[in-house]
Amino acid sequence: MCGIFGYAGPNCEAADLVFSGLKELEYRGYDSWGIALDKDGQVVTVKDTGKLRAAPQGMGQSTLAIGHTRWATTGAVTHENAHPHSDCSGRLAIVHNGIVENYVELKEGLMARGHQFKSETDSEVIAHLLEEEIAQAPGDSLAEALRRVSLLLHGMNAVVAMDVTREGMAAVKNGSPLVIGVDEGANYLASDIAALLKHTRHIIWVLDGQVAGISKNHVSLVDAATGAPIETRIERVAWDAQQAALGPYQHYLEKEIWEQPGLIRQIVADGGAQARQLAEFLAEASDIYFTGCGTAYHAGLMGNYILADVGRRMAHSIYAHEVSSFAPFMRAPQALVALSQSGETIDVLDAMRAAHRSGVPVGALVNVPGSTLSREADFTLLLGAGPEKCVLSTKAFTAKVAYLMMAAGALGAREDEMRAVLSAAAAEMDAQRTDGRMDTVRALAERIYQREHLFVVGRGYNYPLALEAALKQLKSPPELWTFLIHYEIWPVPNGLKPEKRLSPPHRLLNGRTQWYNLELSEEEIAIKQAALQYHATQMASTPRYLSAFVRRNELFGKGY
C-alpha cells in the first residue's frame, strides 16, 4: 500500500519532517516517492524512483508539505508518475492512495476543457478536478472543494491536497486509511499511525466518508456526502515511539521475531479478561466462522484446530474475499470472527459488513486501536502487539493464536493448561537464542533460500504453519522477488510419507533441488534468511502438539 505523510505547523523544515515521515512508512514497500511544499506561493516538488536515500536538498524552507511513497498501479514506475501531482496553476498538489476507477472518462473531459497532463496516472485527474472546483467557487474552503471532487470519484480512495495560497491541507477517506496527529501548534497526517508516534500520541481517526480540513492550529471534519459538520474526537494511543524504533536489531523482522516471547508472557499475565470475553462471544454462537487475509487467515485456520482440540467447538475458516458469497445464507446466532493486524484490510472490512447485512454479529481480533475494524465490530479484542513495521507479520500472528488458545481454554475449562503451554512457548523461544538451535535454523535457511522448489507439508496444527511458511516467502522484500521459491503446501494424510510420491528434482526440505548462482548483498541475504528463520523459529519453539512435526526431526533431523 502507498504511504502518505503531511505536515502543517511552525517548523520551517517541513520537507525534512515529511521525508522522515515517509522513511517511517518504508516498510510498506514502494517503487517511487515525492514531496511537495509551499515556496513563495508556488508548489515545489521533488520526486524520484527507487528508495528514499537522503533528504532532498535545495527545496527551501516551508511550514507546509505533503509526501508520498508509491506502488505503481496506473502508469509505469517513472519520475513523472511519482506523486505528488499538481494542477495547471501550480498552486495545488495532491497525493493519492487507491484507484480512481472512472479516471479515463474524467481525464477525457478535463483534456477537452484544456487541462494539460504530465503523467499517466489516474491520480492526476484529482488535481485538475480540484483546480476546477476552486475556480468555480473561490470563496469555498479547500476541504469543501475536495469534498465535491470526491463525489466524482469511483473506487476506494484516500486523497490529501494542499493549496499554497491557503496554508493548509485537506483530506478525504474512502477505504484507504488516514489518521491525523494533533500537536500543540502543529498537525500531521499519515496513512499509518506508526509514522506519527515520534511527533504525537494524540490522534484523530478519519473514517470512511469523512473530509478533513487541516491547518497548523485547527482540524475540522465534515461528511463527504452532505458537507455536514462532524465532531472531532482526539484520542491518546497507548503506543509510543520507542515501541516502533528499530533499536539494536538489524531489521524489523528480527526485532519483531524476538519481541514475541515478551508478548506471549504479557498475554498470559494480562489477557485473561479479554480472552474470557472472546470465549463468551463464541459460546453464544451456534456456528463460528473465522475470516481474514493472508497471515490473519492462517491464524483463524489455526483457531479451527485449537477450538476443536481444546474448546470442544467446531469452527470454519473462510478467506475474507469469499465471505460475500456465503454471507447471504448466514443468520444469527451464527458469528463471524474477523482477524487483522491493521484493522483496515478492505476484504476483511467487506466481510464484516456483509455479515452485518445478514444480522450476524462480528467479533474482531485486531492489533491497531481505533482502526475501522475495531470500531465497527460488535466485539473487539485488541491484541496489544504494538507497532508491526515489517511487511512479514510475526508477533500479530502469535498474539492471535495465543488469544485463541486462551479463549479455547476458557471454553473447555482448561485455562491453566493453556497458560502453561504459552508460558512454555515463550521460554522455548528465549532458550533457543542461546542453546545452539539458532545455528540449526541458520543452516536450514542457507540450505533452502536459493532452492527452485520447496514443498511444505504439515498435518493438524502444522498445516496452517505450512501455509504461513509459503506466505512468508511471497511477502519477502521486493528487492528479493527475483529469488522467490516455488512453493506447494499439502495437508498430510495419516500414514502417508509425502516424499515417496515425489520424483527429483521436486523433493521436500531434506531433498535436493537445483542451486542457482545468484548474487545477493549481505543485507539481502540476512533479510531473506530471516524470513525463513521466522517460520523455523515458530515451529521449533512451540511446545507439545504445536511442534510435533518438528520434534520428530522431519525438519531439523540429520537428513535435512
Protein backbone atom coordinates (compact mmCIF):
# COMPACT_ATOMS: atom_id res chain seq x y z
CA MET A 1 0.00 0.00 0.00
CA CYS A 2 1.23 3.51 -0.75
CA GLY A 3 2.35 5.78 2.09
CA ILE A 4 1.15 9.32 2.85
CA PHE A 5 2.58 11.92 5.21
CA GLY A 6 1.73 15.61 5.61
CA TYR A 7 2.67 18.47 7.92
CA ALA A 8 1.28 21.92 8.72
CA GLY A 9 2.92 23.83 11.55
CA PRO A 10 5.53 26.33 12.68
CA ASN A 11 8.62 24.29 11.75
CA CYS A 12 10.21 25.75 8.62
CA GLU A 13 11.87 22.42 7.79
CA ALA A 14 8.62 20.84 6.61
CA ALA A 15 10.33 18.94 3.79
CA ASP A 16 12.68 17.20 6.22
CA LEU A 17 9.78 16.35 8.52
CA VAL A 18 7.84 14.80 5.65
CA PHE A 19 10.90 12.93 4.40
CA SER A 20 11.37 11.50 7.90
CA GLY A 21 7.69 10.52 7.99
CA LEU A 22 7.97 8.72 4.66
CA LYS A 23 11.01 6.83 5.97
CA GLU A 24 8.79 5.52 8.77
CA LEU A 25 6.44 4.16 6.09
CA GLU A 26 9.13 2.41 4.05
CA TYR A 27 8.14 -0.98 5.44
CA ARG A 28 5.02 -0.87 3.26
CA GLY A 29 7.16 -1.14 0.14
CA TYR A 30 7.25 1.35 -2.74
CA ASP A 31 8.89 2.00 -6.09
CA SER A 32 8.98 5.82 -6.16
CA TRP A 33 8.47 8.78 -3.86
CA GLY A 34 7.96 12.52 -3.82
CA ILE A 35 7.49 15.61 -1.64
CA ALA A 36 5.68 18.87 -2.41
CA LEU A 37 5.92 22.07 -0.38
CA ASP A 38 4.90 25.70 -0.49
CA LYS A 39 7.66 28.06 -1.64
CA ASP A 40 6.73 31.68 -2.26
CA GLY A 41 3.16 30.83 -3.23
CA GLN A 42 4.07 28.06 -5.69
CA VAL A 43 4.24 24.29 -5.36
CA VAL A 44 7.82 22.98 -5.41
CA THR A 45 8.09 19.24 -5.94
CA VAL A 46 10.93 16.75 -5.64
CA LYS A 47 10.34 13.23 -6.98
CA ASP A 48 12.43 10.17 -7.67
CA THR A 49 12.15 6.49 -8.47
CA GLY A 50 13.70 3.94 -6.14
CA LYS A 51 14.48 4.33 -2.48
CA LEU A 52 14.41 7.26 -0.06
CA ARG A 53 18.15 7.60 0.38
CA ALA A 54 18.84 11.17 1.51
CA ALA A 55 16.65 14.13 2.39
CA PRO A 56 16.13 16.40 -0.65
CA GLN A 57 18.36 19.43 -0.77
CA GLY A 58 17.52 22.89 -2.05
CA MET A 59 13.75 22.74 -1.63
CA GLY A 60 13.86 25.75 0.66
CA GLN A 61 12.08 26.45 3.91
CA SER A 62 8.35 25.91 4.30
CA THR A 63 5.82 25.24 7.03
CA LEU A 64 3.54 23.15 4.78
CA ALA A 65 4.40 19.96 2.90
CA ILE A 66 2.96 16.63 1.80
CA GLY A 67 4.72 13.46 0.63
CA HIS A 68 4.03 10.04 -0.81
CA THR A 69 5.59 6.63 -1.42
CA ARG A 70 4.04 4.91 -4.43
CA TRP A 71 3.39 1.35 -5.51
CA ALA A 72 2.80 1.69 -9.25
CA THR A 73 -0.71 0.72 -10.38
CA THR A 74 -1.93 3.00 -13.16
CA GLY A 75 1.17 4.13 -15.03
CA ALA A 76 4.73 2.80 -15.03
CA VAL A 77 7.46 3.46 -12.47
CA THR A 78 8.71 6.83 -13.75
CA HIS A 79 9.65 10.22 -12.38
CA GLU A 80 6.56 11.78 -13.96
CA ASN A 81 4.20 9.21 -12.47
CA ALA A 82 5.53 9.60 -8.93
CA HIS A 83 3.37 11.65 -6.55
CA PRO A 84 2.65 14.44 -5.65
CA HIS A 85 0.79 15.72 -8.72
CA SER A 86 -0.01 19.37 -9.42
CA ASP A 87 -2.69 21.26 -11.28
CA CYS A 88 -2.18 23.64 -14.22
CA SER A 89 -1.93 26.71 -12.00
CA GLY A 90 0.87 25.39 -9.79
CA ARG A 91 -0.90 26.27 -6.55
CA LEU A 92 -2.26 22.78 -5.76
CA ALA A 93 -0.62 19.43 -5.06
CA ILE A 94 -2.24 16.09 -4.26
CA VAL A 95 -1.20 12.63 -3.13
CA HIS A 96 -3.47 9.65 -3.52
CA ASN A 97 -3.85 6.05 -2.34
CA GLY A 98 -6.26 3.76 -4.17
CA ILE A 99 -7.62 3.62 -7.70
CA VAL A 100 -9.89 6.09 -9.50
CA GLU A 101 -11.92 3.56 -11.45
CA ASN A 102 -13.52 6.14 -13.76
CA TYR A 103 -10.35 8.17 -14.40
CA VAL A 104 -10.40 7.61 -18.18
CA GLU A 105 -13.68 9.42 -18.71
CA LEU A 106 -12.74 12.10 -16.18
CA LYS A 107 -9.41 12.67 -17.93
CA GLU A 108 -11.02 12.89 -21.36
CA GLY A 109 -13.36 15.59 -20.10
CA LEU A 110 -10.55 17.55 -18.46
CA MET A 111 -8.38 17.40 -21.57
CA ALA A 112 -11.30 18.58 -23.68
CA ARG A 113 -11.53 21.58 -21.35
CA GLY A 114 -7.86 22.42 -21.90
CA HIS A 115 -6.08 20.78 -18.97
CA GLN A 116 -2.51 19.59 -19.59
CA PHE A 117 -1.42 16.29 -18.04
CA LYS A 118 2.16 15.38 -17.11
CA SER A 119 1.69 11.76 -16.03
CA GLU A 120 -0.04 8.52 -16.99
CA THR A 121 -1.64 8.09 -13.58
CA ASP A 122 -5.27 8.03 -12.56
CA SER A 123 -4.33 10.23 -9.59
CA GLU A 124 -3.52 13.37 -11.58
CA VAL A 125 -7.16 13.85 -12.58
CA ILE A 126 -7.86 14.70 -8.92
CA ALA A 127 -5.54 17.74 -9.02
CA HIS A 128 -7.22 19.11 -12.15
CA LEU A 129 -10.74 18.45 -10.88
CA LEU A 130 -9.81 20.27 -7.68
CA GLU A 131 -8.50 23.18 -9.74
CA GLU A 132 -11.87 23.47 -11.48
CA GLU A 133 -13.85 23.29 -8.25
CA ILE A 134 -11.79 26.08 -6.67
CA ALA A 135 -12.15 28.22 -9.78
CA GLN A 136 -15.93 27.80 -9.74
CA ALA A 137 -16.28 28.68 -6.05
CA PRO A 138 -13.13 30.58 -4.98
CA GLY A 139 -14.62 31.52 -1.64
CA ASP A 140 -15.06 27.91 -0.51
CA SER A 141 -12.52 26.14 1.64
CA LEU A 142 -10.06 23.62 0.23
CA ALA A 143 -11.86 20.90 2.19
CA GLU A 144 -15.21 21.82 0.61
CA ALA A 145 -13.69 21.79 -2.89
CA LEU A 146 -12.11 18.38 -2.22
CA ARG A 147 -15.41 17.11 -0.85
CA ARG A 148 -17.14 17.93 -4.13
CA VAL A 149 -14.32 16.31 -6.10
CA SER A 150 -14.64 13.13 -4.02
CA LEU A 151 -18.23 12.74 -5.17
CA LEU A 152 -16.96 12.41 -8.75
CA LEU A 153 -14.50 9.61 -7.98
CA HIS A 154 -15.39 5.93 -8.25
CA GLY A 155 -13.46 3.37 -6.23
CA MET A 156 -11.67 3.14 -2.90
CA ASN A 157 -9.50 6.21 -2.39
CA ALA A 158 -7.70 8.37 0.13
CA VAL A 159 -6.63 11.82 -1.07
CA VAL A 160 -4.60 14.57 0.57
CA ALA A 161 -4.40 18.01 -1.07
CA MET A 162 -2.53 21.20 -0.25
CA ASP A 163 -3.15 24.72 -1.51
CA VAL A 164 -0.17 27.05 -1.17
CA THR A 165 -2.44 30.11 -1.13
CA ARG A 166 -4.31 28.88 1.94
CA GLU A 167 -1.54 27.37 4.11
CA GLY A 168 -3.39 24.17 4.87
CA MET A 169 -4.26 20.65 3.80
CA ALA A 170 -7.48 18.78 3.14
CA ALA A 171 -8.06 15.03 3.07
CA VAL A 172 -10.85 12.63 2.19
CA LYS A 173 -11.06 8.94 3.09
CA ASN A 174 -12.99 6.19 1.37
CA GLY A 175 -11.39 2.81 2.03
CA SER A 176 -7.69 3.60 2.37
CA PRO A 177 -6.53 4.51 5.91
CA LEU A 178 -5.80 8.06 7.07
CA VAL A 179 -5.05 9.33 10.57
CA ILE A 180 -4.38 12.87 11.85
CA GLY A 181 -1.78 13.57 14.52
CA VAL A 182 -2.54 16.55 16.76
CA ASP A 183 0.23 18.52 18.47
CA GLU A 184 0.44 21.95 20.04
CA GLY A 185 0.59 24.43 17.16
CA ALA A 186 1.13 21.71 14.53
CA ASN A 187 -0.86 18.97 12.88
CA TYR A 188 0.24 15.91 10.94
CA LEU A 189 -1.48 13.49 8.62
CA ALA A 190 -0.38 9.95 7.71
CA SER A 191 -1.58 6.68 6.25
CA ASP A 192 -0.30 4.77 9.30
CA ILE A 193 -0.18 5.67 12.96
CA ALA A 194 3.41 4.37 13.22
CA ALA A 195 4.65 7.37 11.25
CA LEU A 196 3.17 9.80 13.80
CA LEU A 197 4.45 8.34 17.06
CA LYS A 198 7.71 10.32 17.18
CA HIS A 199 5.66 13.53 16.93
CA THR A 200 2.47 12.92 18.91
CA ARG A 201 0.28 10.27 20.50
CA HIS A 202 -2.89 12.36 20.15
CA ILE A 203 -4.84 11.04 17.20
CA ILE A 204 -7.96 11.81 15.18
CA TRP A 205 -9.11 8.85 13.11
CA VAL A 206 -10.51 9.87 9.72
CA LEU A 207 -13.35 7.47 8.95
CA ASP A 208 -14.77 6.42 5.61
CA GLY A 209 -16.95 9.12 4.10
CA GLN A 210 -15.26 11.95 6.00
CA VAL A 211 -13.36 15.02 4.78
CA ALA A 212 -10.79 16.77 6.96
CA GLY A 213 -9.56 20.34 6.83
CA ILE A 214 -6.14 20.71 8.46
CA SER A 215 -4.08 23.79 9.32
CA LYS A 216 -1.38 24.21 11.92
CA ASN A 217 -3.91 25.29 14.56
CA HIS A 218 -7.15 23.62 13.56
CA VAL A 219 -8.70 20.35 12.38
CA SER A 220 -12.28 20.08 11.16
CA LEU A 221 -14.31 17.13 9.83
CA VAL A 222 -17.36 17.08 7.58
CA ASP A 223 -19.49 14.40 5.98
CA ALA A 224 -18.30 13.78 2.42
CA ALA A 225 -21.80 13.20 1.09
CA THR A 226 -23.57 16.18 2.67
CA GLY A 227 -20.94 18.59 3.97
CA ALA A 228 -22.49 18.44 7.44
CA PRO A 229 -20.00 19.12 10.27
CA ILE A 230 -18.75 16.16 12.33
CA GLU A 231 -17.44 16.47 15.87
CA THR A 232 -13.70 15.78 16.09
CA ARG A 233 -12.63 13.27 18.73
CA ILE A 234 -9.00 13.29 19.85
CA GLU A 235 -7.76 10.01 21.31
CA ARG A 236 -4.48 9.21 23.02
CA VAL A 237 -2.94 5.96 21.78
CA ALA A 238 -1.03 3.64 24.08
CA TRP A 239 1.76 3.03 21.59
CA ASP A 240 4.91 5.17 21.77
CA ALA A 241 7.85 5.95 19.52
CA GLN A 242 10.17 3.60 21.41
CA GLN A 243 7.98 0.62 20.52
CA ALA A 244 8.31 1.48 16.84
CA ALA A 245 12.08 2.09 16.95
CA LEU A 246 14.46 -0.47 15.47
CA GLY A 247 16.78 -0.45 18.47
CA PRO A 248 19.77 -2.83 18.38
CA TYR A 249 18.32 -5.13 15.72
CA GLN A 250 19.47 -5.43 12.11
CA HIS A 251 15.95 -5.06 10.71
CA TYR A 252 12.33 -5.04 11.85
CA LEU A 253 11.74 -8.71 11.07
CA GLU A 254 14.44 -9.70 13.54
CA LYS A 255 13.11 -7.22 16.11
CA GLU A 256 9.55 -8.45 15.90
CA ILE A 257 10.54 -12.12 16.00
CA TRP A 258 12.30 -11.62 19.32
CA GLU A 259 9.54 -9.44 20.78
CA GLN A 260 7.25 -12.47 20.68
CA PRO A 261 8.31 -14.14 23.96
CA GLY A 262 7.59 -10.97 25.92
CA LEU A 263 4.28 -10.53 24.11
CA ILE A 264 3.22 -14.09 24.96
CA ARG A 265 4.05 -13.51 28.64
CA GLN A 266 2.10 -10.25 28.56
CA ILE A 267 -0.97 -12.04 27.16
CA VAL A 268 -0.69 -14.81 29.77
CA ALA A 269 -0.39 -12.25 32.57
CA ASP A 270 -2.88 -9.60 31.45
CA GLY A 271 -5.02 -11.05 28.66
CA GLY A 272 -7.27 -13.34 30.66
CA ALA A 273 -10.22 -10.95 30.85
CA GLN A 274 -10.19 -10.27 27.09
CA ALA A 275 -9.83 -13.99 26.35
CA ARG A 276 -12.82 -14.84 28.54
CA GLN A 277 -14.89 -12.15 26.79
CA LEU A 278 -13.97 -13.73 23.45
CA ALA A 279 -14.96 -17.12 24.87
CA GLU A 280 -18.35 -15.72 25.87
CA PHE A 281 -18.82 -14.30 22.38
CA LEU A 282 -18.00 -17.69 20.85
CA ALA A 283 -20.15 -19.61 23.33
CA GLU A 284 -23.24 -17.66 22.25
CA ALA A 285 -22.73 -18.60 18.58
CA SER A 286 -24.41 -21.61 17.01
CA ASP A 287 -21.70 -21.69 14.33
CA ILE A 288 -18.33 -19.96 14.31
CA TYR A 289 -16.63 -18.60 11.17
CA PHE A 290 -13.12 -17.17 11.19
CA THR A 291 -12.10 -14.84 8.39
CA GLY A 292 -9.02 -12.88 7.42
CA CYS A 293 -6.45 -12.43 4.67
CA GLY A 294 -3.01 -13.98 4.42
CA THR A 295 -1.38 -14.40 7.83
CA ALA A 296 -4.59 -13.45 9.63
CA TYR A 297 -6.48 -16.15 7.72
CA HIS A 298 -3.85 -18.69 8.75
CA ALA A 299 -4.28 -17.66 12.40
CA GLY A 300 -8.01 -18.24 12.01
CA LEU A 301 -7.35 -21.63 10.43
CA MET A 302 -5.18 -22.44 13.43
CA GLY A 303 -8.17 -21.42 15.51
CA ASN A 304 -10.21 -24.22 13.91
CA TYR A 305 -7.84 -26.80 15.37
CA ILE A 306 -7.46 -25.04 18.71
CA LEU A 307 -11.22 -24.76 19.28
CA ALA A 308 -11.79 -28.38 18.30
CA ASP A 309 -8.96 -29.74 20.45
CA VAL A 310 -9.23 -27.51 23.49
CA GLY A 311 -12.61 -25.79 23.42
CA ARG A 312 -14.58 -28.75 22.00
CA ARG A 313 -16.23 -26.49 19.42
CA MET A 314 -16.24 -26.72 15.66
CA ALA A 315 -15.25 -23.65 13.65
CA HIS A 316 -14.83 -22.89 9.95
CA SER A 317 -12.40 -20.54 8.19
CA ILE A 318 -13.24 -18.56 5.06
CA TYR A 319 -10.93 -16.23 3.16
CA ALA A 320 -12.26 -12.72 3.61
CA HIS A 321 -12.76 -12.09 -0.10
CA GLU A 322 -15.03 -15.17 -0.26
CA VAL A 323 -17.32 -14.27 2.65
CA SER A 324 -19.70 -12.25 0.46
CA SER A 325 -20.61 -15.47 -1.40
CA PHE A 326 -21.82 -17.12 1.82
CA ALA A 327 -22.96 -14.20 3.98
CA PRO A 328 -26.50 -14.08 2.49
CA PHE A 329 -27.09 -17.55 3.97
CA MET A 330 -25.71 -16.71 7.41
CA ARG A 331 -28.06 -15.92 10.26
CA ALA A 332 -27.74 -15.10 13.95
CA PRO A 333 -26.88 -16.71 16.31
CA GLN A 334 -24.05 -17.68 13.97
CA ALA A 335 -20.99 -15.44 14.42
CA LEU A 336 -18.12 -14.20 12.30
CA VAL A 337 -14.70 -13.56 13.86
CA ALA A 338 -12.53 -11.25 11.74
CA LEU A 339 -8.77 -11.26 12.29
CA SER A 340 -6.49 -8.43 11.15
CA GLN A 341 -3.26 -6.72 12.18
CA SER A 342 -4.12 -3.30 10.74
CA GLY A 343 -7.90 -3.37 11.02
CA GLU A 344 -8.03 -1.65 7.63
CA THR A 345 -7.80 -4.56 5.18
CA ILE A 346 -10.54 -3.88 2.64
CA ASP A 347 -11.53 -7.51 2.11
CA VAL A 348 -11.86 -8.04 5.87
CA LEU A 349 -13.98 -4.91 6.26
CA ASP A 350 -16.18 -6.03 3.36
CA ALA A 351 -16.60 -9.43 5.01
CA MET A 352 -17.62 -7.81 8.30
CA ARG A 353 -20.16 -5.58 6.57
CA ALA A 354 -21.57 -8.50 4.58
CA ALA A 355 -22.13 -10.41 7.82
CA HIS A 356 -23.77 -7.38 9.42
CA ARG A 357 -26.18 -7.10 6.49
CA SER A 358 -27.34 -10.61 7.37
CA GLY A 359 -27.74 -9.71 11.03
CA VAL A 360 -24.72 -11.78 12.10
CA PRO A 361 -22.60 -10.44 14.98
CA VAL A 362 -18.92 -9.88 14.26
CA GLY A 363 -16.03 -10.23 16.65
CA ALA A 364 -12.63 -8.77 15.85
CA LEU A 365 -9.10 -9.75 16.84
CA VAL A 366 -7.16 -6.68 15.75
CA ASN A 367 -3.88 -5.03 16.63
CA VAL A 368 -4.35 -1.35 15.75
CA PRO A 369 -6.55 0.53 18.24
CA GLY A 370 -9.06 2.87 16.68
CA SER A 371 -8.95 1.12 13.30
CA THR A 372 -12.09 0.70 11.23
CA LEU A 373 -12.46 -2.97 12.15
CA SER A 374 -12.08 -2.24 15.86
CA ARG A 375 -14.77 0.45 15.64
CA GLU A 376 -17.35 -1.39 13.57
CA ALA A 377 -17.16 -4.88 15.12
CA ASP A 378 -19.69 -5.90 17.76
CA PHE A 379 -16.92 -7.25 19.97
CA THR A 380 -13.27 -6.21 19.75
CA LEU A 381 -10.22 -7.85 21.27
CA LEU A 382 -7.11 -5.69 20.98
CA LEU A 383 -4.01 -7.83 20.51
CA GLY A 384 -1.63 -5.38 22.18
CA ALA A 385 1.30 -6.42 19.99
CA GLY A 386 2.46 -2.84 19.44
CA PRO A 387 3.54 -1.40 16.08
CA GLU A 388 4.38 -4.04 13.49
CA LYS A 389 6.51 -2.42 10.80
CA CYS A 390 7.84 -5.44 8.94
CA VAL A 391 5.70 -6.50 5.98
CA LEU A 392 6.00 -10.09 7.21
CA SER A 393 3.61 -10.21 10.14
CA THR A 394 5.10 -12.05 13.12
CA LYS A 395 4.01 -11.00 16.58
CA ALA A 396 0.45 -10.17 15.49
CA PHE A 397 0.06 -13.76 14.23
CA THR A 398 1.43 -15.08 17.52
CA ALA A 399 -0.88 -12.83 19.53
CA LYS A 400 -3.94 -14.04 17.60
CA VAL A 401 -3.03 -17.68 18.18
CA ALA A 402 -2.25 -17.02 21.85
CA TYR A 403 -5.61 -15.35 22.47
CA LEU A 404 -7.44 -18.11 20.62
CA MET A 405 -5.71 -20.65 22.86
CA MET A 406 -6.70 -18.68 25.96
CA ALA A 407 -10.30 -18.37 24.77
CA ALA A 408 -10.46 -22.06 23.91
CA GLY A 409 -9.11 -22.83 27.36
CA ALA A 410 -11.92 -20.78 28.87
CA LEU A 411 -14.48 -22.67 26.77
CA GLY A 412 -13.04 -26.07 27.65
CA ALA A 413 -12.24 -25.43 31.32
CA ARG A 414 -8.52 -25.69 30.51
CA GLU A 415 -7.36 -22.13 31.14
CA ASP A 416 -4.46 -23.08 33.42
CA GLU A 417 -3.22 -25.61 30.89
CA MET A 418 -3.25 -23.06 28.07
CA ARG A 419 -1.38 -20.53 30.19
CA ALA A 420 1.22 -23.19 30.93
CA VAL A 421 1.56 -24.10 27.25
CA LEU A 422 2.01 -20.45 26.25
CA SER A 423 4.50 -19.81 29.04
CA ALA A 424 6.49 -22.83 27.87
CA ALA A 425 6.44 -21.49 24.31
CA ALA A 426 7.86 -18.16 25.48
CA ALA A 427 10.57 -19.94 27.43
CA GLU A 428 11.44 -22.11 24.42
CA MET A 429 11.81 -19.07 22.17
CA ASP A 430 14.10 -17.37 24.67
CA ALA A 431 16.15 -20.52 25.17
CA GLN A 432 16.83 -21.14 21.52
CA ARG A 433 18.72 -17.85 21.22
CA THR A 434 21.47 -19.25 23.44
CA ASP A 435 21.32 -23.06 23.28
CA GLY A 436 22.63 -23.53 19.75
CA ARG A 437 19.35 -24.09 17.97
CA MET A 438 19.71 -20.84 16.03
CA ASP A 439 22.76 -22.34 14.34
CA THR A 440 20.49 -25.09 13.05
CA VAL A 441 17.92 -22.55 11.92
CA ARG A 442 20.57 -20.55 10.05
CA ALA A 443 21.93 -23.69 8.45
CA LEU A 444 18.43 -24.59 7.28
CA ALA A 445 17.95 -21.13 5.81
CA GLU A 446 21.29 -21.43 3.99
CA ARG A 447 20.23 -24.76 2.52
CA ILE A 448 16.87 -23.69 1.12
CA TYR A 449 16.91 -19.98 0.35
CA GLN A 450 18.09 -20.46 -3.25
CA ARG A 451 16.16 -23.64 -4.00
CA GLU A 452 13.96 -23.70 -7.06
CA HIS A 453 11.14 -25.69 -5.44
CA LEU A 454 10.05 -26.21 -1.86
CA PHE A 455 7.20 -28.44 -0.74
CA VAL A 456 5.92 -27.54 2.72
CA VAL A 457 3.85 -30.19 4.44
CA GLY A 458 2.01 -30.34 7.72
CA ARG A 459 -0.85 -32.06 9.49
CA GLY A 460 -3.23 -30.70 12.08
CA TYR A 461 -1.79 -27.59 13.74
CA ASN A 462 1.15 -27.66 11.37
CA TYR A 463 -0.95 -27.32 8.23
CA PRO A 464 -1.67 -23.60 8.91
CA LEU A 465 2.03 -23.19 9.78
CA ALA A 466 2.95 -24.71 6.42
CA LEU A 467 0.70 -22.21 4.69
CA GLU A 468 2.34 -19.46 6.70
CA ALA A 469 5.82 -20.61 5.66
CA ALA A 470 4.90 -20.24 1.99
CA LEU A 471 3.36 -16.83 2.55
CA LYS A 472 6.49 -15.59 4.28
CA GLN A 473 8.39 -16.19 1.05
CA LEU A 474 5.79 -14.46 -1.09
CA LYS A 475 5.95 -11.41 1.19
CA SER A 476 9.73 -11.08 1.17
CA PRO A 477 11.05 -7.56 0.46
CA PRO A 478 10.54 -6.51 -3.17
CA GLU A 479 14.24 -6.34 -3.93
CA LEU A 480 14.29 -10.12 -3.38
CA TRP A 481 11.31 -11.03 -5.51
CA THR A 482 13.55 -12.43 -8.27
CA PHE A 483 14.52 -15.08 -5.74
CA LEU A 484 11.05 -16.36 -4.93
CA ILE A 485 10.75 -20.08 -4.42
CA HIS A 486 8.01 -22.17 -5.99
CA TYR A 487 6.01 -23.50 -3.06
CA GLU A 488 3.49 -26.30 -2.71
CA ILE A 489 1.57 -26.70 0.54
CA TRP A 490 -0.03 -30.01 1.40
CA PRO A 491 -2.09 -31.32 4.28
CA VAL A 492 -0.55 -34.72 5.06
CA PRO A 493 -2.90 -37.75 5.29
CA ASN A 494 -2.29 -40.12 8.20
CA GLY A 495 0.35 -42.72 7.47
CA LEU A 496 1.40 -41.27 4.12
CA LYS A 497 5.03 -40.30 3.54
CA PRO A 498 4.86 -37.38 1.08
CA GLU A 499 8.43 -37.86 -0.14
CA LYS A 500 7.52 -41.28 -1.59
CA ARG A 501 5.28 -39.73 -4.21
CA LEU A 502 7.76 -37.12 -5.38
CA SER A 503 10.41 -37.53 -8.03
CA PRO A 504 13.59 -35.45 -8.40
CA PRO A 505 14.08 -32.55 -8.52
CA HIS A 506 10.85 -31.96 -6.60
CA ARG A 507 11.79 -33.03 -3.08
CA LEU A 508 10.93 -31.94 0.42
CA LEU A 509 13.15 -29.90 2.70
CA ASN A 510 15.58 -32.79 3.06
CA GLY A 511 15.73 -33.43 -0.68
CA ARG A 512 17.97 -31.95 -3.34
CA THR A 513 16.98 -29.34 -5.87
CA GLN A 514 18.88 -27.28 -8.38
CA TRP A 515 21.01 -24.47 -6.93
CA TYR A 516 21.34 -21.15 -8.71
CA ASN A 517 24.36 -18.87 -8.62
CA LEU A 518 22.61 -15.62 -7.69
CA GLU A 519 24.34 -12.52 -6.39
CA LEU A 520 22.90 -11.11 -3.17
CA SER A 521 24.21 -8.42 -0.88
CA GLU A 522 24.88 -9.37 2.74
CA GLU A 523 21.84 -7.33 3.80
CA GLU A 524 19.59 -9.07 1.27
CA ILE A 525 20.82 -12.48 2.38
CA ALA A 526 20.19 -11.56 6.03
CA ILE A 527 16.62 -10.45 5.31
CA LYS A 528 15.85 -13.47 3.15
CA GLN A 529 17.25 -15.88 5.72
CA ALA A 530 15.34 -14.13 8.48
CA ALA A 531 12.09 -14.78 6.63
CA LEU A 532 12.87 -18.49 6.58
CA GLN A 533 14.23 -18.29 10.11
CA TYR A 534 10.90 -16.89 11.33
CA HIS A 535 8.96 -19.94 10.19
CA ALA A 536 11.55 -22.36 11.50
CA THR A 537 11.67 -20.47 14.80
CA GLN A 538 7.90 -20.57 15.17
CA MET A 539 7.78 -24.31 14.64
CA ALA A 540 10.86 -25.14 16.71
CA SER A 541 9.78 -23.11 19.72
CA THR A 542 6.13 -24.09 20.03
CA PRO A 543 5.62 -26.83 22.61
CA ARG A 544 3.64 -30.02 22.59
CA TYR A 545 1.13 -30.59 19.80
CA LEU A 546 2.10 -27.33 18.07
CA SER A 547 5.58 -28.70 17.46
CA ALA A 548 5.02 -32.42 16.97
CA PHE A 549 6.04 -32.22 13.33
CA VAL A 550 9.36 -30.59 14.21
CA ARG A 551 10.13 -32.75 17.22
CA ARG A 552 10.02 -35.88 15.06
CA ASN A 553 13.08 -34.38 13.35
CA GLU A 554 11.38 -34.34 9.96
CA LEU A 555 12.55 -30.75 9.59
CA PHE A 556 15.69 -30.49 11.71
CA GLY A 557 16.96 -34.07 11.65
CA LYS A 558 20.24 -35.28 10.27
CA GLY A 559 18.90 -35.65 6.75
CA TYR A 560 17.80 -32.07 6.18
